[in-house]
C-alpha atoms as a PDB file:
ATOM      1  CA  UNK A   1     150.518 135.631 220.212  1.00  0.00           C
ATOM      2  CA  UNK A   2     153.333 133.050 220.155  1.00  0.00           C
ATOM      3  CA  UNK A   3     150.755 130.851 222.980  1.00  0.00           C
ATOM      4  CA  UNK A   4     148.293 131.535 220.395  1.00  0.00           C
ATOM      5  CA  UNK A   5     149.702 130.208 217.899  1.00  0.00           C
ATOM      6  CA  UNK A   6     150.587 126.899 219.314  1.00  0.00           C
ATOM      7  CA  UNK A   7     147.111 126.277 221.309  1.00  0.00           C
ATOM      8  CA  UNK A   8     146.020 126.748 217.464  1.00  0.00           C
ATOM      9  CA  UNK A   9     148.096 124.224 216.320  1.00  0.00           C
ATOM     10  CA  UNK A  10     147.762 121.390 218.998  1.00  0.00           C
ATOM     11  CA  UNK A  11     143.922 121.639 218.749  1.00  0.00           C
ATOM     12  CA  UNK A  12     144.476 121.377 214.846  1.00  0.00           C
ATOM     13  CA  UNK A  13     146.521 117.881 215.289  1.00  0.00           C
ATOM     14  CA  UNK A  14     144.032 116.745 218.030  1.00  0.00           C
ATOM     15  CA  UNK A  15     140.450 117.591 216.011  1.00  0.00           C
ATOM     16  CA  UNK A  16     142.760 116.385 212.463  1.00  0.00           C
ATOM     17  CA  UNK A  17     142.540 112.558 212.901  1.00  0.00           C
ATOM     18  CA  UNK A  18     139.489 112.995 214.614  1.00  0.00           C
ATOM     19  CA  UNK A  19     138.141 114.442 211.166  1.00  0.00           C
ATOM     20  CA  UNK A  20     139.328 111.499 209.278  1.00  0.00           C
ATOM     21  CA  UNK A  21     137.706 108.771 208.168  1.00  0.00           C
ATOM     22  CA  UNK A  22     133.696 109.914 208.348  1.00  0.00           C
ATOM     23  CA  UNK A  23     131.556 107.831 207.179  1.00  0.00           C
ATOM     24  CA  UNK A  24     128.100 109.040 206.204  1.00  0.00           C
ATOM     25  CA  UNK A  25     125.282 108.153 203.299  1.00  0.00           C
ATOM     26  CA  UNK A  26     124.278 109.786 200.512  1.00  0.00           C
ATOM     27  CA  UNK A  27     121.074 109.019 198.678  1.00  0.00           C
ATOM     28  CA  UNK A  28     120.732 109.586 194.965  1.00  0.00           C
ATOM     29  CA  UNK A  29     117.505 109.223 193.321  1.00  0.00           C
ATOM     30  CA  UNK A  30     117.488 108.129 189.639  1.00  0.00           C
ATOM     31  CA  UNK A  31     117.489 111.532 186.623  1.00  0.00           C
ATOM     32  CA  UNK A  32     116.325 109.375 183.545  1.00  0.00           C
ATOM     33  CA  UNK A  33     115.101 105.926 182.424  1.00  0.00           C
ATOM     34  CA  UNK A  34     117.556 103.623 182.000  1.00  0.00           C
ATOM     35  CA  UNK A  35     119.079 104.440 185.465  1.00  0.00           C
ATOM     36  CA  UNK A  36     115.445 103.554 187.259  1.00  0.00           C
ATOM     37  CA  UNK A  37     114.822 100.508 185.244  1.00  0.00           C
ATOM     38  CA  UNK A  38     118.293  99.057 187.042  1.00  0.00           C
ATOM     39  CA  UNK A  39     119.228 101.211 190.426  1.00  0.00           C
ATOM     40  CA  UNK A  40     116.152 103.758 190.941  1.00  0.00           C
ATOM     41  CA  UNK A  41     118.053 104.990 193.622  1.00  0.00           C
ATOM     42  CA  UNK A  42     121.160 104.192 195.799  1.00  0.00           C
ATOM     43  CA  UNK A  43     123.046 105.065 198.880  1.00  0.00           C
ATOM     44  CA  UNK A  44     126.503 104.881 198.806  1.00  0.00           C
ATOM     45  CA  UNK A  45     127.847 105.193 201.539  1.00  0.00           C
ATOM     46  CA  UNK A  46     131.330 107.174 202.278  1.00  0.00           C
ATOM     47  CA  UNK A  47     134.752 107.652 203.892  1.00  0.00           C
ATOM     48  CA  UNK A  48     135.657 111.727 203.805  1.00  0.00           C
ATOM     49  CA  UNK A  49     139.313 111.506 204.802  1.00  0.00           C
ATOM     50  CA  UNK A  50     141.183 114.240 206.031  1.00  0.00           C
ATOM     51  CA  UNK A  51     141.034 116.625 203.337  1.00  0.00           C
ATOM     52  CA  UNK A  52     137.803 115.878 201.940  1.00  0.00           C
ATOM     53  CA  UNK A  53     138.145 113.688 198.903  1.00  0.00           C
ATOM     54  CA  UNK A  54     135.137 111.359 199.539  1.00  0.00           C
ATOM     55  CA  UNK A  55     135.671 107.397 198.762  1.00  0.00           C
ATOM     56  CA  UNK A  56     132.839 105.501 198.082  1.00  0.00           C
ATOM     57  CA  UNK A  57     132.877 102.353 200.055  1.00  0.00           C
ATOM     58  CA  UNK A  58     129.163 100.580 199.341  1.00  0.00           C
ATOM     59  CA  UNK A  59     126.479 100.764 197.310  1.00  0.00           C
ATOM     60  CA  UNK A  60     123.520 100.577 199.146  1.00  0.00           C
ATOM     61  CA  UNK A  61     120.050 100.442 197.272  1.00  0.00           C
ATOM     62  CA  UNK A  62     117.475 102.799 198.219  1.00  0.00           C
ATOM     63  CA  UNK A  63     114.296 101.102 197.658  1.00  0.00           C
ATOM     64  CA  UNK A  64     115.222  97.667 197.857  1.00  0.00           C
ATOM     65  CA  UNK A  65     116.958  95.354 199.970  1.00  0.00           C
ATOM     66  CA  UNK A  66     120.457  94.890 198.593  1.00  0.00           C
ATOM     67  CA  UNK A  67     123.948  96.323 198.686  1.00  0.00           C
ATOM     68  CA  UNK A  68     127.100  95.665 197.228  1.00  0.00           C
ATOM     69  CA  UNK A  69     131.246  96.418 198.516  1.00  0.00           C
ATOM     70  CA  UNK A  70     132.472  98.441 196.013  1.00  0.00           C
ATOM     71  CA  UNK A  71     136.197  98.741 196.332  1.00  0.00           C
ATOM     72  CA  UNK A  72     138.184 101.460 195.517  1.00  0.00           C
ATOM     73  CA  UNK A  73     140.837 100.127 192.180  1.00  0.00           C
ATOM     74  CA  UNK A  74     140.679  97.835 188.624  1.00  0.00           C
ATOM     75  CA  UNK A  75     142.513  98.062 185.498  1.00  0.00           C
ATOM     76  CA  UNK A  76     143.313 101.438 182.816  1.00  0.00           C
ATOM     77  CA  UNK A  77     141.713  99.372 180.190  1.00  0.00           C
ATOM     78  CA  UNK A  78     138.416 100.168 182.135  1.00  0.00           C
ATOM     79  CA  UNK A  79     138.719 104.189 181.188  1.00  0.00           C
ATOM     80  CA  UNK A  80     139.800 103.494 177.791  1.00  0.00           C
ATOM     81  CA  UNK A  81     136.809 101.806 177.607  1.00  0.00           C
ATOM     82  CA  UNK A  82     134.108 104.438 178.598  1.00  0.00           C
ATOM     83  CA  UNK A  83     133.265 106.523 175.032  1.00  0.00           C
ATOM     84  CA  UNK A  84     135.109 109.615 174.707  1.00  0.00           C
ATOM     85  CA  UNK A  85     134.965 111.966 177.161  1.00  0.00           C
ATOM     86  CA  UNK A  86     133.731 111.121 180.297  1.00  0.00           C
ATOM     87  CA  UNK A  87     135.247 112.378 182.774  1.00  0.00           C
ATOM     88  CA  UNK A  88     135.664 109.937 185.406  1.00  0.00           C
ATOM     89  CA  UNK A  89     138.122 109.670 187.809  1.00  0.00           C
ATOM     90  CA  UNK A  90     137.499 106.803 190.158  1.00  0.00           C
ATOM     91  CA  UNK A  91     137.598 103.026 189.647  1.00  0.00           C
ATOM     92  CA  UNK A  92     135.782 100.564 191.506  1.00  0.00           C
ATOM     93  CA  UNK A  93     135.769  96.488 191.124  1.00  0.00           C
ATOM     94  CA  UNK A  94     132.222  95.306 192.233  1.00  0.00           C
ATOM     95  CA  UNK A  95     133.289  92.650 195.046  1.00  0.00           C
ATOM     96  CA  UNK A  96     131.716  89.755 193.768  1.00  0.00           C
ATOM     97  CA  UNK A  97     130.618  88.814 196.991  1.00  0.00           C
ATOM     98  CA  UNK A  98     126.772  89.139 198.602  1.00  0.00           C
ATOM     99  CA  UNK A  99     124.568  91.068 195.967  1.00  0.00           C
ATOM    100  CA  UNK A 100     127.827  92.262 194.599  1.00  0.00           C
ATOM    101  CA  UNK A 101     127.194  89.277 192.032  1.00  0.00           C
ATOM    102  CA  UNK A 102     122.893  90.405 190.306  1.00  0.00           C
ATOM    103  CA  UNK A 103     124.405  93.766 190.592  1.00  0.00           C
ATOM    104  CA  UNK A 104     127.253  93.328 187.925  1.00  0.00           C
ATOM    105  CA  UNK A 105     124.994  91.405 186.159  1.00  0.00           C
ATOM    106  CA  UNK A 106     122.352  93.489 185.502  1.00  0.00           C
ATOM    107  CA  UNK A 107     124.689  96.466 184.742  1.00  0.00           C
ATOM    108  CA  UNK A 108     126.636  94.272 182.700  1.00  0.00           C
ATOM    109  CA  UNK A 109     124.759  90.759 181.228  1.00  0.00           C
ATOM    110  CA  UNK A 110     127.208  88.311 180.807  1.00  0.00           C
ATOM    111  CA  UNK A 111     129.774  90.168 181.283  1.00  0.00           C
ATOM    112  CA  UNK A 112     132.828  87.946 183.424  1.00  0.00           C
ATOM    113  CA  UNK A 113     133.454  90.975 186.171  1.00  0.00           C
ATOM    114  CA  UNK A 114     132.272  94.867 186.448  1.00  0.00           C
ATOM    115  CA  UNK A 115     133.713  97.795 187.205  1.00  0.00           C
ATOM    116  CA  UNK A 116     132.044 101.101 188.674  1.00  0.00           C
ATOM    117  CA  UNK A 117     133.647 104.438 187.205  1.00  0.00           C
ATOM    118  CA  UNK A 118     132.663 106.924 189.325  1.00  0.00           C
ATOM    119  CA  UNK A 119     132.432 111.285 188.632  1.00  0.00           C
ATOM    120  CA  UNK A 120     133.444 113.013 191.735  1.00  0.00           C
ATOM    121  CA  UNK A 121     131.283 112.454 194.023  1.00  0.00           C
ATOM    122  CA  UNK A 122     130.370 115.593 195.733  1.00  0.00           C
ATOM    123  CA  UNK A 123     127.611 116.779 198.176  1.00  0.00           C
ATOM    124  CA  UNK A 124     124.287 118.544 196.853  1.00  0.00           C
ATOM    125  CA  UNK A 125     125.455 117.419 193.629  1.00  0.00           C
ATOM    126  CA  UNK A 126     124.356 115.595 190.553  1.00  0.00           C
ATOM    127  CA  UNK A 127     126.034 112.212 190.258  1.00  0.00           C
ATOM    128  CA  UNK A 128     127.347 110.028 187.130  1.00  0.00           C
ATOM    129  CA  UNK A 129     128.740 106.326 187.204  1.00  0.00           C
ATOM    130  CA  UNK A 130     129.132 103.924 184.413  1.00  0.00           C
ATOM    131  CA  UNK A 131     129.616 100.262 184.450  1.00  0.00           C
ATOM    132  CA  UNK A 132     132.550  98.881 182.845  1.00  0.00           C
ATOM    133  CA  UNK A 133     132.371  94.640 181.685  1.00  0.00           C
ATOM    134  CA  UNK A 134     134.675  92.221 180.979  1.00  0.00           C
ATOM    135  CA  UNK A 135     133.245  89.352 179.091  1.00  0.00           C
ATOM    136  CA  UNK A 136     134.718  85.773 178.327  1.00  0.00           C
ATOM    137  CA  UNK A 137     136.816  86.400 174.630  1.00  0.00           C
ATOM    138  CA  UNK A 138     138.382  89.303 177.649  1.00  0.00           C
ATOM    139  CA  UNK A 139     137.571  92.646 175.467  1.00  0.00           C
ATOM    140  CA  UNK A 140     136.000  95.417 178.170  1.00  0.00           C
ATOM    141  CA  UNK A 141     133.191  97.107 176.856  1.00  0.00           C
ATOM    142  CA  UNK A 142     131.215 100.056 177.805  1.00  0.00           C
ATOM    143  CA  UNK A 143     127.448  99.261 179.659  1.00  0.00           C
ATOM    144  CA  UNK A 144     125.668 101.637 181.079  1.00  0.00           C
ATOM    145  CA  UNK A 145     125.613 104.666 182.097  1.00  0.00           C
ATOM    146  CA  UNK A 146     123.686 105.366 185.399  1.00  0.00           C
ATOM    147  CA  UNK A 147     122.799 109.414 186.331  1.00  0.00           C
ATOM    148  CA  UNK A 148     121.259 110.054 189.104  1.00  0.00           C
ATOM    149  CA  UNK A 149     119.925 113.618 191.537  1.00  0.00           C
ATOM    150  CA  UNK A 150     121.044 114.294 195.128  1.00  0.00           C
ATOM    151  CA  UNK A 151     118.145 113.688 196.947  1.00  0.00           C
ATOM    152  CA  UNK A 152     120.114 113.947 200.206  1.00  0.00           C
ATOM    153  CA  UNK A 153     122.229 112.860 203.782  1.00  0.00           C
ATOM    154  CA  UNK A 154     121.455 110.439 205.755  1.00  0.00           C
ATOM    155  CA  UNK A 155     122.360 110.310 209.359  1.00  0.00           C
ATOM    156  CA  UNK A 156     122.926 106.300 209.618  1.00  0.00           C
ATOM    157  CA  UNK A 157     122.550 103.809 207.923  1.00  0.00           C
ATOM    158  CA  UNK A 158     119.069 102.802 205.747  1.00  0.00           C
ATOM    159  CA  UNK A 159     117.560 100.102 206.812  1.00  0.00           C
ATOM    160  CA  UNK A 160     115.599  97.566 205.356  1.00  0.00           C
ATOM    161  CA  UNK A 161     112.046  98.418 203.777  1.00  0.00           C
ATOM    162  CA  UNK A 162     109.053  96.529 203.969  1.00  0.00           C
ATOM    163  CA  UNK A 163     106.590  96.343 202.485  1.00  0.00           C
ATOM    164  CA  UNK A 164     103.830  98.699 204.416  1.00  0.00           C
ATOM    165  CA  UNK A 165     106.040 101.353 205.184  1.00  0.00           C
ATOM    166  CA  UNK A 166     107.696 103.337 202.985  1.00  0.00           C
ATOM    167  CA  UNK A 167     111.198 104.233 203.070  1.00  0.00           C
ATOM    168  CA  UNK A 168     112.622 107.259 204.943  1.00  0.00           C
ATOM    169  CA  UNK A 169     113.344 110.185 203.722  1.00  0.00           C
ATOM    170  CA  UNK A 170     117.204 111.921 204.299  1.00  0.00           C
ATOM    171  CA  UNK A 171     118.143 114.696 205.855  1.00  0.00           C
ATOM    172  CA  UNK A 172     118.827 117.059 203.940  1.00  0.00           C
ATOM    173  CA  UNK A 173     121.711 119.649 203.758  1.00  0.00           C
END
């Protein structure tokens, strides 16, 4: 019995680090008109930790070319700018490099900087994202609420879409 416990502990200790830092691609479709007008659908490049928490690293357009790196963190004032009752525990700043600048301007026109307040990311569940911007006067304001329905999980990152070929369907869980 003791040998079995030791073997189990050793297997757990070696398998744990292998599971940590697992990169996954979760696809979502727009759930309402506002979201569809701004993004249609998105794929999130996420990292799943050893304990199952999910952290977003990149936002990829599912239907068009484009992606934006996002970084965890932002001022606490972002949460204060959210509408009352919104539970979005994760704050991400949109990196201004690449397509990030365009995404920030699309979500918060006129803002100098944009953050995303993201609800808890869970497999096979809807997702809600709120954009908050900082204007030249220094005030933070809520810009838009984006709602998404779960579509599936990609086995690899989505490739660039061509005009003639439809986007491949994600794998279901």
